[in-house]
Amino acid sequence: MLFENRIRARWAKKNFSFLATAVCLYAEQRRPKRKWVKQWLLNIRQHTHLNLLQELRLEPSDWRNYLRLDEEAYFQLLRLVTPMIKKYTVMRQCITPHERLAATLRFLATGMNFEELKFVTAISPQRLGVIIPETCLALLKSLRAYMMGSSIISPKFVVIACSEFK
C-alpha cells in the first residue's frame, strides 16, 4: 500500500509539471492586445481638415467650394450650434464644435461615406456616425429657433420645412 502511494505521488508530480508547462506555453501564445486607437488618429491636430480650412480662409471661393457655404455664414452657423454640440471629457481631448460642424458640412456637401470621410477629417468612422446626426439635429433645432425669431419667413413655413427633415 505504501509503495502504491509513492508511485501515485510521483505520477502526480510528473503530470503536474507537464500541466504547468502547458499552461505557461499557452499564456505566451495569446494574441497581442488590440490598439485602443490608431496612431494617425492620435495626431488628429496635425492631420485634420481644420488646417486646410485655415489656409482656405485666404481664398473665399475655395472655402465656398469646400463647404458649399461662405465663411461668414459658416461662422454664424458655428455660433448658433456650438452650445448644443460642445462636449467635455477628462480622459482625452474632445472633438471641437468647429471640427464637428466642418465634418458634417463636408459630409452633406460631398455625400462621402464615413470610411472616406475619416481620412479627410481624421475622425474615426464610428465617431463620425455619432457626430454627424448629433450636429444635424443641432443645426435643425438652432435654425428652427433662429428662423422663428426672423420676420422674413413665416413661422408656419419653417415648421413645415423642419418637419420634412425629421
Protein backbone atom coordinates (compact mmCIF):
# COMPACT_ATOMS: atom_id res chain seq x y z
CA MET A 1 0.00 0.00 0.00
CA LEU A 2 2.80 2.36 0.88
CA PHE A 3 4.55 1.52 -2.37
CA GLU A 4 1.40 2.33 -4.38
CA ASN A 5 1.09 5.74 -2.71
CA ARG A 6 4.68 6.61 -3.66
CA ILE A 7 4.04 5.65 -7.28
CA ARG A 8 0.89 7.76 -7.36
CA ALA A 9 2.75 10.71 -5.83
CA ARG A 10 5.49 10.50 -8.49
CA TRP A 11 2.91 10.21 -11.24
CA ALA A 12 1.02 13.25 -9.88
CA LYS A 13 4.24 15.32 -9.75
CA LYS A 14 5.07 14.45 -13.36
CA ASN A 15 1.56 15.27 -14.55
CA PHE A 16 1.50 18.48 -12.54
CA SER A 17 4.78 19.67 -14.03
CA PHE A 18 3.54 18.74 -17.51
CA LEU A 19 0.30 20.65 -16.92
CA ALA A 20 2.16 23.70 -15.54
CA THR A 21 4.43 23.74 -18.62
CA ALA A 22 1.41 23.54 -20.92
CA VAL A 23 -0.26 26.48 -19.15
CA CYS A 24 2.90 28.60 -19.43
CA LEU A 25 3.24 27.85 -23.14
CA TYR A 26 -0.41 28.70 -23.74
CA ALA A 27 -0.04 32.00 -21.88
CA GLU A 28 2.86 33.00 -24.15
CA GLN A 29 0.83 32.23 -27.28
CA ARG A 30 -2.05 34.59 -26.50
CA ARG A 31 -2.82 37.09 -29.21
CA PRO A 32 -1.44 40.57 -28.77
CA LYS A 33 -3.69 43.26 -27.35
CA ARG A 34 -5.53 45.43 -29.82
CA LYS A 35 -4.71 49.09 -30.10
CA TRP A 36 -7.04 51.47 -28.32
CA VAL A 37 -6.72 53.99 -31.14
CA LYS A 38 -4.73 54.12 -34.36
CA GLN A 39 -1.53 56.15 -34.24
CA TRP A 40 -2.51 58.55 -37.01
CA LEU A 41 -5.77 59.31 -35.20
CA LEU A 42 -3.78 60.28 -32.10
CA ASN A 43 -2.19 63.06 -34.14
CA ILE A 44 -5.58 64.49 -35.02
CA ARG A 45 -4.44 68.09 -34.74
CA GLN A 46 -1.79 67.56 -37.43
CA HIS A 47 -3.94 65.64 -39.91
CA THR A 48 -7.32 67.29 -39.55
CA HIS A 49 -9.05 69.33 -42.22
CA LEU A 50 -9.05 72.40 -39.96
CA ASN A 51 -5.52 73.16 -41.15
CA LEU A 52 -6.85 73.20 -44.70
CA LEU A 53 -9.75 75.44 -43.67
CA GLN A 54 -7.26 77.86 -42.12
CA GLU A 55 -5.50 78.09 -45.48
CA LEU A 56 -8.78 78.33 -47.40
CA ARG A 57 -9.73 81.46 -45.44
CA LEU A 58 -7.31 83.30 -47.73
CA GLU A 59 -9.27 82.12 -50.80
CA PRO A 60 -13.04 82.67 -50.25
CA SER A 61 -14.01 80.89 -53.48
CA ASP A 62 -12.14 77.76 -52.41
CA TRP A 63 -13.68 77.95 -48.93
CA ARG A 64 -17.14 78.08 -50.52
CA ASN A 65 -16.28 75.20 -52.84
CA TYR A 66 -15.05 73.05 -49.92
CA LEU A 67 -18.01 73.57 -47.55
CA ARG A 68 -20.64 74.89 -50.01
CA LEU A 69 -21.06 77.82 -47.64
CA ASP A 70 -19.31 81.16 -47.37
CA GLU A 71 -17.11 81.92 -44.38
CA GLU A 72 -19.46 84.40 -42.73
CA ALA A 73 -22.43 82.03 -42.90
CA TYR A 74 -20.27 79.18 -41.60
CA PHE A 75 -19.16 81.08 -38.52
CA GLN A 76 -22.71 82.27 -37.90
CA LEU A 77 -23.86 78.63 -38.01
CA LEU A 78 -20.99 77.66 -35.72
CA ARG A 79 -22.04 80.31 -33.21
CA LEU A 80 -25.65 79.04 -33.26
CA VAL A 81 -24.77 75.35 -32.96
CA THR A 82 -21.82 75.44 -30.53
CA PRO A 83 -23.85 75.35 -27.27
CA MET A 84 -25.62 72.17 -28.42
CA ILE A 85 -22.62 70.21 -29.72
CA LYS A 86 -19.86 71.24 -27.33
CA LYS A 87 -18.56 68.24 -25.35
CA TYR A 88 -16.24 67.91 -22.37
CA THR A 89 -14.16 64.96 -21.21
CA VAL A 90 -11.39 64.41 -18.72
CA MET A 91 -9.83 61.39 -20.46
CA ARG A 92 -8.72 62.93 -23.75
CA GLN A 93 -9.09 65.97 -25.97
CA CYS A 94 -12.60 66.45 -27.34
CA ILE A 95 -13.60 66.96 -30.94
CA THR A 96 -14.30 70.69 -31.09
CA PRO A 97 -17.57 72.17 -32.37
CA HIS A 98 -15.58 73.65 -35.28
CA GLU A 99 -14.40 70.14 -36.29
CA ARG A 100 -17.87 68.67 -35.78
CA LEU A 101 -19.60 71.28 -37.92
CA ALA A 102 -16.96 71.20 -40.66
CA ALA A 103 -17.12 67.38 -40.84
CA THR A 104 -20.92 67.48 -41.00
CA LEU A 105 -20.99 70.12 -43.71
CA ARG A 106 -18.34 68.24 -45.71
CA PHE A 107 -20.43 65.08 -45.38
CA LEU A 108 -23.58 66.89 -46.53
CA ALA A 109 -21.73 68.66 -49.36
CA THR A 110 -20.00 65.62 -50.82
CA GLY A 111 -22.07 62.61 -49.80
CA MET A 112 -18.89 60.74 -48.80
CA ASN A 113 -19.36 57.68 -46.63
CA PHE A 114 -17.81 57.64 -43.17
CA GLU A 115 -14.88 55.45 -44.25
CA GLU A 116 -13.84 58.02 -46.87
CA LEU A 117 -14.56 60.97 -44.62
CA LYS A 118 -12.31 59.63 -41.86
CA PHE A 119 -9.24 60.36 -43.99
CA VAL A 120 -10.33 63.95 -44.63
CA THR A 121 -11.33 64.73 -41.06
CA ALA A 122 -9.03 62.42 -39.04
CA ILE A 123 -12.06 61.27 -37.04
CA SER A 124 -12.93 57.58 -36.78
CA PRO A 125 -15.94 56.35 -38.79
CA GLN A 126 -17.64 55.15 -35.60
CA ARG A 127 -17.33 58.62 -34.09
CA LEU A 128 -18.49 60.27 -37.33
CA GLY A 129 -21.59 58.08 -37.16
CA VAL A 130 -22.41 59.74 -33.84
CA ILE A 131 -21.19 63.28 -34.55
CA ILE A 132 -22.95 63.87 -37.86
CA PRO A 133 -26.51 63.00 -36.71
CA GLU A 134 -25.97 65.00 -33.48
CA THR A 135 -24.78 68.02 -35.43
CA CYS A 136 -27.59 67.75 -37.99
CA LEU A 137 -30.12 67.68 -35.17
CA ALA A 138 -28.44 70.68 -33.54
CA LEU A 139 -28.50 72.52 -36.88
CA LEU A 140 -32.18 71.75 -37.27
CA LYS A 141 -33.03 72.95 -33.75
CA SER A 142 -30.89 76.08 -33.88
CA LEU A 143 -32.05 77.10 -37.35
CA ARG A 144 -35.66 76.48 -36.37
CA ALA A 145 -35.23 78.78 -33.37
CA TYR A 146 -33.30 81.29 -35.47
CA MET A 147 -35.93 81.37 -38.22
CA MET A 148 -38.80 81.62 -35.74
CA GLY A 149 -37.27 84.85 -34.49
CA SER A 150 -36.95 86.19 -38.03
CA SER A 151 -39.79 88.25 -39.50
CA ILE A 152 -38.76 87.47 -43.10
CA ILE A 153 -40.13 83.92 -43.22
CA SER A 154 -43.45 82.95 -41.72
CA PRO A 155 -43.21 80.53 -38.77
CA LYS A 156 -45.74 78.20 -40.41
CA PHE A 157 -43.38 77.64 -43.36
CA VAL A 158 -40.42 76.90 -41.05
CA VAL A 159 -42.40 74.31 -39.06
CA ILE A 160 -43.46 72.55 -42.27
CA ALA A 161 -39.91 72.62 -43.68
CA CYS A 162 -38.36 71.37 -40.43
CA SER A 163 -40.85 68.53 -40.11
CA GLU A 164 -39.71 67.25 -43.51
CA PHE A 165 -36.22 66.59 -42.10
CA LYS A 166 -37.26 64.63 -39.00
